[in-house]
Amino acid sequence: MTKADLVEICAEKTGLTRTDVAVTVDALLDAVKLALEQGKNIEIRGFGTFKVKTRKARKARNPRTGEEVPVPDRKVPVFKPSNEFKGLIVKQPL
């Protein structure tokens, strides 16, 4: 599903125009990015939590040469779904 698909579904459910919904979706995504950039966590009850985790520095190996390569610390965005959300996904047959 793309952002355009999401906008279309929300526009149908709310009766708003696609343009208005697209602006709202963009604003929501911008707010999430800004909050994570500032180091804040976002918790949406019944959906999940967005946060930034720090990965430790480590040694990796170049698969071509076998040489060890240092990988520095880095911050990565993560999403942890709520138990309610996980329950919905588990119930769905593949």
Foldseek 3Di string as FASTA:
>chain_A
DDVLVVLVVVCVVPVNDSVVSSVVVVVVVVVCVVCQVVQHKDQDPLFWIKGKDKDAKDWDADVVPRDIDIDHIDIDIDIDTDPNVVVVVVPDDD
